[in-house]
Amino acid sequence: MMGGMEVAIAALILHFIPTLVAMLRGHDNTFAIFLTNLLLGWTVIGWIVALIWSFTAIRRRVRA
């Protein structure tokens, strides 16, 4: 059986999946995605928005 601490850690990891995806992909708006996830992630719609945003295309800057 999982204790309360393990459940809380698992819930935090699941809650911040959009932020983790953005960080792993090197998204330009990782901090904005984190804030959206932090402030609106408790609503299902806010979490879905952050998740979709974390999977959007990343623009690579061309160095001249």
PDB file of N, CA and C in Angstrom:
ATOM      1  N   MET A   1       0.832  -1.189   0.000  1.00  0.00           N
ATOM      2  CA  MET A   1       0.000   0.000   0.000  1.00  0.00           C
ATOM      3  C   MET A   1       0.875   1.252   0.000  1.00  0.00           C
ATOM      4  N   MET A   2       0.415   2.229  -0.755  1.00  0.00           N
ATOM      5  CA  MET A   2       1.150   3.485  -0.798  1.00  0.00           C
ATOM      6  C   MET A   2       0.688   4.389   0.347  1.00  0.00           C
ATOM      7  N   GLY A   3       1.647   5.045   0.967  1.00  0.00           N
ATOM      8  CA  GLY A   3       1.331   5.980   2.034  1.00  0.00           C
ATOM      9  C   GLY A   3       0.941   7.330   1.463  1.00  0.00           C
ATOM     10  N   GLY A   4       0.614   8.240   2.345  1.00  0.00           N
ATOM     11  CA  GLY A   4       0.186   9.573   1.939  1.00  0.00           C
ATOM     12  C   GLY A   4       1.256  10.357   1.186  1.00  0.00           C
ATOM     13  N   MET A   5       2.513  10.197   1.595  1.00  0.00           N
ATOM     14  CA  MET A   5       3.598  10.940   0.955  1.00  0.00           C
ATOM     15  C   MET A   5       3.812  10.472  -0.477  1.00  0.00           C
ATOM     16  N   GLU A   6       3.756   9.174  -0.704  1.00  0.00           N
ATOM     17  CA  GLU A   6       3.940   8.645  -2.052  1.00  0.00           C
ATOM     18  C   GLU A   6       2.820   9.086  -2.984  1.00  0.00           C
ATOM     19  N   VAL A   7       1.608   9.108  -2.469  1.00  0.00           N
ATOM     20  CA  VAL A   7       0.463   9.553  -3.265  1.00  0.00           C
ATOM     21  C   VAL A   7       0.607  11.027  -3.612  1.00  0.00           C
ATOM     22  N   ALA A   8       1.062  11.835  -2.660  1.00  0.00           N
ATOM     23  CA  ALA A   8       1.244  13.269  -2.906  1.00  0.00           C
ATOM     24  C   ALA A   8       2.318  13.518  -3.953  1.00  0.00           C
ATOM     25  N   ILE A   9       3.410  12.782  -3.888  1.00  0.00           N
ATOM     26  CA  ILE A   9       4.488  12.938  -4.865  1.00  0.00           C
ATOM     27  C   ILE A   9       4.017  12.508  -6.247  1.00  0.00           C
ATOM     28  N   ALA A  10       3.295  11.394  -6.314  1.00  0.00           N
ATOM     29  CA  ALA A  10       2.761  10.934  -7.597  1.00  0.00           C
ATOM     30  C   ALA A  10       1.777  11.944  -8.177  1.00  0.00           C
ATOM     31  N   ALA A  11       0.952  12.543  -7.331  1.00  0.00           N
ATOM     32  CA  ALA A  11      -0.002  13.556  -7.794  1.00  0.00           C
ATOM     33  C   ALA A  11       0.716  14.794  -8.319  1.00  0.00           C
ATOM     34  N   LEU A  12       1.779  15.219  -7.649  1.00  0.00           N
ATOM     35  CA  LEU A  12       2.552  16.377  -8.119  1.00  0.00           C
ATOM     36  C   LEU A  12       3.212  16.097  -9.459  1.00  0.00           C
ATOM     37  N   ILE A  13       3.756  14.904  -9.614  1.00  0.00           N
ATOM     38  CA  ILE A  13       4.393  14.551 -10.886  1.00  0.00           C
ATOM     39  C   ILE A  13       3.360  14.553 -12.002  1.00  0.00           C
ATOM     40  N   LEU A  14       2.206  13.948 -11.759  1.00  0.00           N
ATOM     41  CA  LEU A  14       1.147  13.929 -12.773  1.00  0.00           C
ATOM     42  C   LEU A  14       0.644  15.333 -13.078  1.00  0.00           C
ATOM     43  N   HIS A  15       0.544  16.167 -12.046  1.00  0.00           N
ATOM     44  CA  HIS A  15       0.056  17.527 -12.235  1.00  0.00           C
ATOM     45  C   HIS A  15       0.999  18.349 -13.114  1.00  0.00           C
ATOM     46  N   PHE A  16       2.301  18.144 -12.954  1.00  0.00           N
ATOM     47  CA  PHE A  16       3.284  18.955 -13.675  1.00  0.00           C
ATOM     48  C   PHE A  16       3.837  18.272 -14.921  1.00  0.00           C
ATOM     49  N   ILE A  17       3.141  17.288 -15.463  1.00  0.00           N
ATOM     50  CA  ILE A  17       3.564  16.656 -16.717  1.00  0.00           C
ATOM     51  C   ILE A  17       3.718  17.671 -17.848  1.00  0.00           C
ATOM     52  N   PRO A  18       2.783  18.629 -18.041  1.00  0.00           N
ATOM     53  CA  PRO A  18       3.000  19.612 -19.120  1.00  0.00           C
ATOM     54  C   PRO A  18       4.303  20.393 -18.964  1.00  0.00           C
ATOM     55  N   THR A  19       4.647  20.767 -17.747  1.00  0.00           N
ATOM     56  CA  THR A  19       5.894  21.488 -17.510  1.00  0.00           C
ATOM     57  C   THR A  19       7.092  20.596 -17.802  1.00  0.00           C
ATOM     58  N   LEU A  20       7.036  19.347 -17.389  1.00  0.00           N
ATOM     59  CA  LEU A  20       8.134  18.423 -17.651  1.00  0.00           C
ATOM     60  C   LEU A  20       8.322  18.195 -19.144  1.00  0.00           C
ATOM     61  N   VAL A  21       7.222  18.059 -19.887  1.00  0.00           N
ATOM     62  CA  VAL A  21       7.301  17.881 -21.339  1.00  0.00           C
ATOM     63  C   VAL A  21       7.952  19.107 -21.981  1.00  0.00           C
ATOM     64  N   ALA A  22       7.529  20.301 -21.561  1.00  0.00           N
ATOM     65  CA  ALA A  22       8.099  21.533 -22.117  1.00  0.00           C
ATOM     66  C   ALA A  22       9.590  21.630 -21.818  1.00  0.00           C
ATOM     67  N   MET A  23       9.988  21.262 -20.606  1.00  0.00           N
ATOM     68  CA  MET A  23      11.402  21.313 -20.243  1.00  0.00           C
ATOM     69  C   MET A  23      12.212  20.324 -21.069  1.00  0.00           C
ATOM     70  N   LEU A  24      11.712  19.116 -21.216  1.00  0.00           N
ATOM     71  CA  LEU A  24      12.443  18.093 -21.968  1.00  0.00           C
ATOM     72  C   LEU A  24      12.550  18.428 -23.446  1.00  0.00           C
ATOM     73  N   ARG A  25      11.549  19.116 -23.990  1.00  0.00           N
ATOM     74  CA  ARG A  25      11.576  19.481 -25.404  1.00  0.00           C
ATOM     75  C   ARG A  25      12.332  20.785 -25.649  1.00  0.00           C
ATOM     76  N   GLY A  26      12.716  21.495 -24.606  1.00  0.00           N
ATOM     77  CA  GLY A  26      13.418  22.762 -24.768  1.00  0.00           C
ATOM     78  C   GLY A  26      12.514  23.836 -25.338  1.00  0.00           C
ATOM     79  N   HIS A  27      11.267  23.856 -24.899  1.00  0.00           N
ATOM     80  CA  HIS A  27      10.278  24.795 -25.420  1.00  0.00           C
ATOM     81  C   HIS A  27      10.666  26.225 -25.057  1.00  0.00           C
ATOM     82  N   ASP A  28      10.433  27.159 -25.987  1.00  0.00           N
ATOM     83  CA  ASP A  28      10.762  28.569 -25.747  1.00  0.00           C
ATOM     84  C   ASP A  28       9.932  29.175 -24.624  1.00  0.00           C
ATOM     85  N   ASN A  29       8.733  28.681 -24.409  1.00  0.00           N
ATOM     86  CA  ASN A  29       7.819  29.248 -23.415  1.00  0.00           C
ATOM     87  C   ASN A  29       7.668  28.344 -22.193  1.00  0.00           C
ATOM     88  N   THR A  30       8.739  27.704 -21.791  1.00  0.00           N
ATOM     89  CA  THR A  30       8.660  26.773 -20.675  1.00  0.00           C
ATOM     90  C   THR A  30       8.179  27.453 -19.406  1.00  0.00           C
ATOM     91  N   PHE A  31       8.672  28.651 -19.121  1.00  0.00           N
ATOM     92  CA  PHE A  31       8.260  29.334 -17.884  1.00  0.00           C
ATOM     93  C   PHE A  31       6.789  29.720 -17.929  1.00  0.00           C
ATOM     94  N   ALA A  32       6.307  30.170 -19.082  1.00  0.00           N
ATOM     95  CA  ALA A  32       4.895  30.509 -19.217  1.00  0.00           C
ATOM     96  C   ALA A  32       4.018  29.265 -19.080  1.00  0.00           C
ATOM     97  N   ILE A  33       4.485  28.145 -19.623  1.00  0.00           N
ATOM     98  CA  ILE A  33       3.756  26.890 -19.480  1.00  0.00           C
ATOM     99  C   ILE A  33       3.739  26.467 -18.017  1.00  0.00           C
ATOM    100  N   PHE A  34       4.858  26.645 -17.328  1.00  0.00           N
ATOM    101  CA  PHE A  34       4.908  26.338 -15.902  1.00  0.00           C
ATOM    102  C   PHE A  34       3.905  27.180 -15.116  1.00  0.00           C
ATOM    103  N   LEU A  35       3.863  28.482 -15.404  1.00  0.00           N
ATOM    104  CA  LEU A  35       2.919  29.347 -14.692  1.00  0.00           C
ATOM    105  C   LEU A  35       1.472  28.971 -14.978  1.00  0.00           C
ATOM    106  N   THR A  36       1.181  28.662 -16.229  1.00  0.00           N
ATOM    107  CA  THR A  36      -0.165  28.217 -16.578  1.00  0.00           C
ATOM    108  C   THR A  36      -0.492  26.935 -15.841  1.00  0.00           C
ATOM    109  N   ASN A  37       0.438  26.028 -15.820  1.00  0.00           N
ATOM    110  CA  ASN A  37       0.247  24.753 -15.129  1.00  0.00           C
ATOM    111  C   ASN A  37       0.073  24.955 -13.624  1.00  0.00           C
ATOM    112  N   LEU A  38       0.862  25.853 -13.045  1.00  0.00           N
ATOM    113  CA  LEU A  38       0.806  26.109 -11.609  1.00  0.00           C
ATOM    114  C   LEU A  38      -0.494  26.791 -11.203  1.00  0.00           C
ATOM    115  N   LEU A  39      -0.880  27.834 -11.959  1.00  0.00           N
ATOM    116  CA  LEU A  39      -2.024  28.643 -11.561  1.00  0.00           C
ATOM    117  C   LEU A  39      -3.365  28.107 -12.057  1.00  0.00           C
ATOM    118  N   LEU A  40      -3.380  27.462 -13.221  1.00  0.00           N
ATOM    119  CA  LEU A  40      -4.635  26.983 -13.791  1.00  0.00           C
ATOM    120  C   LEU A  40      -4.698  25.472 -13.946  1.00  0.00           C
ATOM    121  N   GLY A  41      -3.622  24.790 -13.603  1.00  0.00           N
ATOM    122  CA  GLY A  41      -3.568  23.350 -13.794  1.00  0.00           C
ATOM    123  C   GLY A  41      -4.556  22.583 -12.935  1.00  0.00           C
ATOM    124  N   TRP A  42      -4.986  23.175 -11.834  1.00  0.00           N
ATOM    125  CA  TRP A  42      -5.953  22.491 -10.970  1.00  0.00           C
ATOM    126  C   TRP A  42      -7.311  22.364 -11.647  1.00  0.00           C
ATOM    127  N   THR A  43      -7.565  23.207 -12.653  1.00  0.00           N
ATOM    128  CA  THR A  43      -8.766  23.023 -13.458  1.00  0.00           C
ATOM    129  C   THR A  43      -8.383  22.080 -14.586  1.00  0.00           C
ATOM    130  N   VAL A  44      -9.272  21.252 -14.986  1.00  0.00           N
ATOM    131  CA  VAL A  44      -8.950  20.290 -16.043  1.00  0.00           C
ATOM    132  C   VAL A  44      -8.633  21.024 -17.342  1.00  0.00           C
ATOM    133  N   ILE A  45      -9.355  22.082 -17.631  1.00  0.00           N
ATOM    134  CA  ILE A  45      -9.138  22.839 -18.867  1.00  0.00           C
ATOM    135  C   ILE A  45      -7.751  23.483 -18.862  1.00  0.00           C
ATOM    136  N   GLY A  46      -7.345  24.080 -17.757  1.00  0.00           N
ATOM    137  CA  GLY A  46      -6.024  24.693 -17.663  1.00  0.00           C
ATOM    138  C   GLY A  46      -4.915  23.688 -17.843  1.00  0.00           C
ATOM    139  N   TRP A  47      -5.091  22.487 -17.296  1.00  0.00           N
ATOM    140  CA  TRP A  47      -4.091  21.436 -17.438  1.00  0.00           C
ATOM    141  C   TRP A  47      -3.989  20.983 -18.885  1.00  0.00           C
ATOM    142  N   ILE A  48      -5.124  20.825 -19.552  1.00  0.00           N
ATOM    143  CA  ILE A  48      -5.132  20.409 -20.957  1.00  0.00           C
ATOM    144  C   ILE A  48      -4.495  21.482 -21.836  1.00  0.00           C
ATOM    145  N   VAL A  49      -4.798  22.750 -21.569  1.00  0.00           N
ATOM    146  CA  VAL A  49      -4.196  23.847 -22.336  1.00  0.00           C
ATOM    147  C   VAL A  49      -2.674  23.815 -22.184  1.00  0.00           C
ATOM    148  N   ALA A  50      -2.189  23.659 -20.954  1.00  0.00           N
ATOM    149  CA  ALA A  50      -0.738  23.601 -20.731  1.00  0.00           C
ATOM    150  C   ALA A  50      -0.117  22.392 -21.425  1.00  0.00           C
ATOM    151  N   LEU A  51      -0.810  21.268 -21.409  1.00  0.00           N
ATOM    152  CA  LEU A  51      -0.284  20.067 -22.059  1.00  0.00           C
ATOM    153  C   LEU A  51      -0.197  20.243 -23.572  1.00  0.00           C
ATOM    154  N   ILE A  52      -1.255  20.761 -24.175  1.00  0.00           N
ATOM    155  CA  ILE A  52      -1.240  20.992 -25.624  1.00  0.00           C
ATOM    156  C   ILE A  52      -0.166  22.009 -25.987  1.00  0.00           C
ATOM    157  N   TRP A  53      -0.057  23.072 -25.204  1.00  0.00           N
ATOM    158  CA  TRP A  53       0.939  24.106 -25.460  1.00  0.00           C
ATOM    159  C   TRP A  53       2.354  23.525 -25.371  1.00  0.00           C
ATOM    160  N   SER A  54       2.577  22.614 -24.451  1.00  0.00           N
ATOM    161  CA  SER A  54       3.915  22.035 -24.311  1.00  0.00           C
ATOM    162  C   SER A  54       4.298  21.167 -25.504  1.00  0.00           C
ATOM    163  N   PHE A  55       3.316  20.677 -26.257  1.00  0.00           N
ATOM    164  CA  PHE A  55       3.588  19.853 -27.430  1.00  0.00           C
ATOM    165  C   PHE A  55       3.604  20.650 -28.729  1.00  0.00           C
ATOM    166  N   THR A  56       3.372  21.964 -28.676  1.00  0.00           N
ATOM    167  CA  THR A  56       3.357  22.752 -29.903  1.00  0.00           C
ATOM    168  C   THR A  56       4.764  22.866 -30.467  1.00  0.00           C
ATOM    169  N   ALA A  57       4.824  23.299 -31.712  1.00  0.00           N
ATOM    170  CA  ALA A  57       6.097  23.380 -32.434  1.00  0.00           C
ATOM    171  C   ALA A  57       7.054  24.343 -31.744  1.00  0.00           C
ATOM    172  N   ILE A  58       8.311  23.992 -31.816  1.00  0.00           N
ATOM    173  CA  ILE A  58       9.373  24.819 -31.257  1.00  0.00           C
ATOM    174  C   ILE A  58      10.078  25.491 -32.422  1.00  0.00           C
ATOM    175  N   ARG A  59      10.175  26.788 -32.370  1.00  0.00           N
ATOM    176  CA  ARG A  59      10.870  27.531 -33.437  1.00  0.00           C
ATOM    177  C   ARG A  59      12.352  27.564 -33.125  1.00  0.00           C
ATOM    178  N   ARG A  60      13.108  27.103 -34.060  1.00  0.00           N
ATOM    179  CA  ARG A  60      14.571  27.144 -33.922  1.00  0.00           C
ATOM    180  C   ARG A  60      15.072  28.447 -34.497  1.00  0.00           C
ATOM    181  N   ARG A  61      15.888  29.114 -33.750  1.00  0.00           N
ATOM    182  CA  ARG A  61      16.433  30.394 -34.219  1.00  0.00           C
ATOM    183  C   ARG A  61      17.621  30.115 -35.123  1.00  0.00           C
ATOM    184  N   VAL A  62      17.632  30.779 -36.260  1.00  0.00           N
ATOM    185  CA  VAL A  62      18.721  30.627 -37.222  1.00  0.00           C
ATOM    186  C   VAL A  62      19.770  31.679 -36.897  1.00  0.00           C
ATOM    187  N   ARG A  63      20.994  31.232 -36.716  1.00  0.00           N
ATOM    188  CA  ARG A  63      22.072  32.186 -36.439  1.00  0.00           C
ATOM    189  C   ARG A  63      22.723  32.588 -37.748  1.00  0.00           C
ATOM    190  N   ALA A  64      22.889  33.876 -37.896  1.00  0.00           N
ATOM    191  CA  ALA A  64      23.467  34.389 -39.144  1.00  0.00           C
ATOM    192  C   ALA A  64      24.946  34.679 -38.961  1.00  0.00           C
TER     193      ALA A  64
END
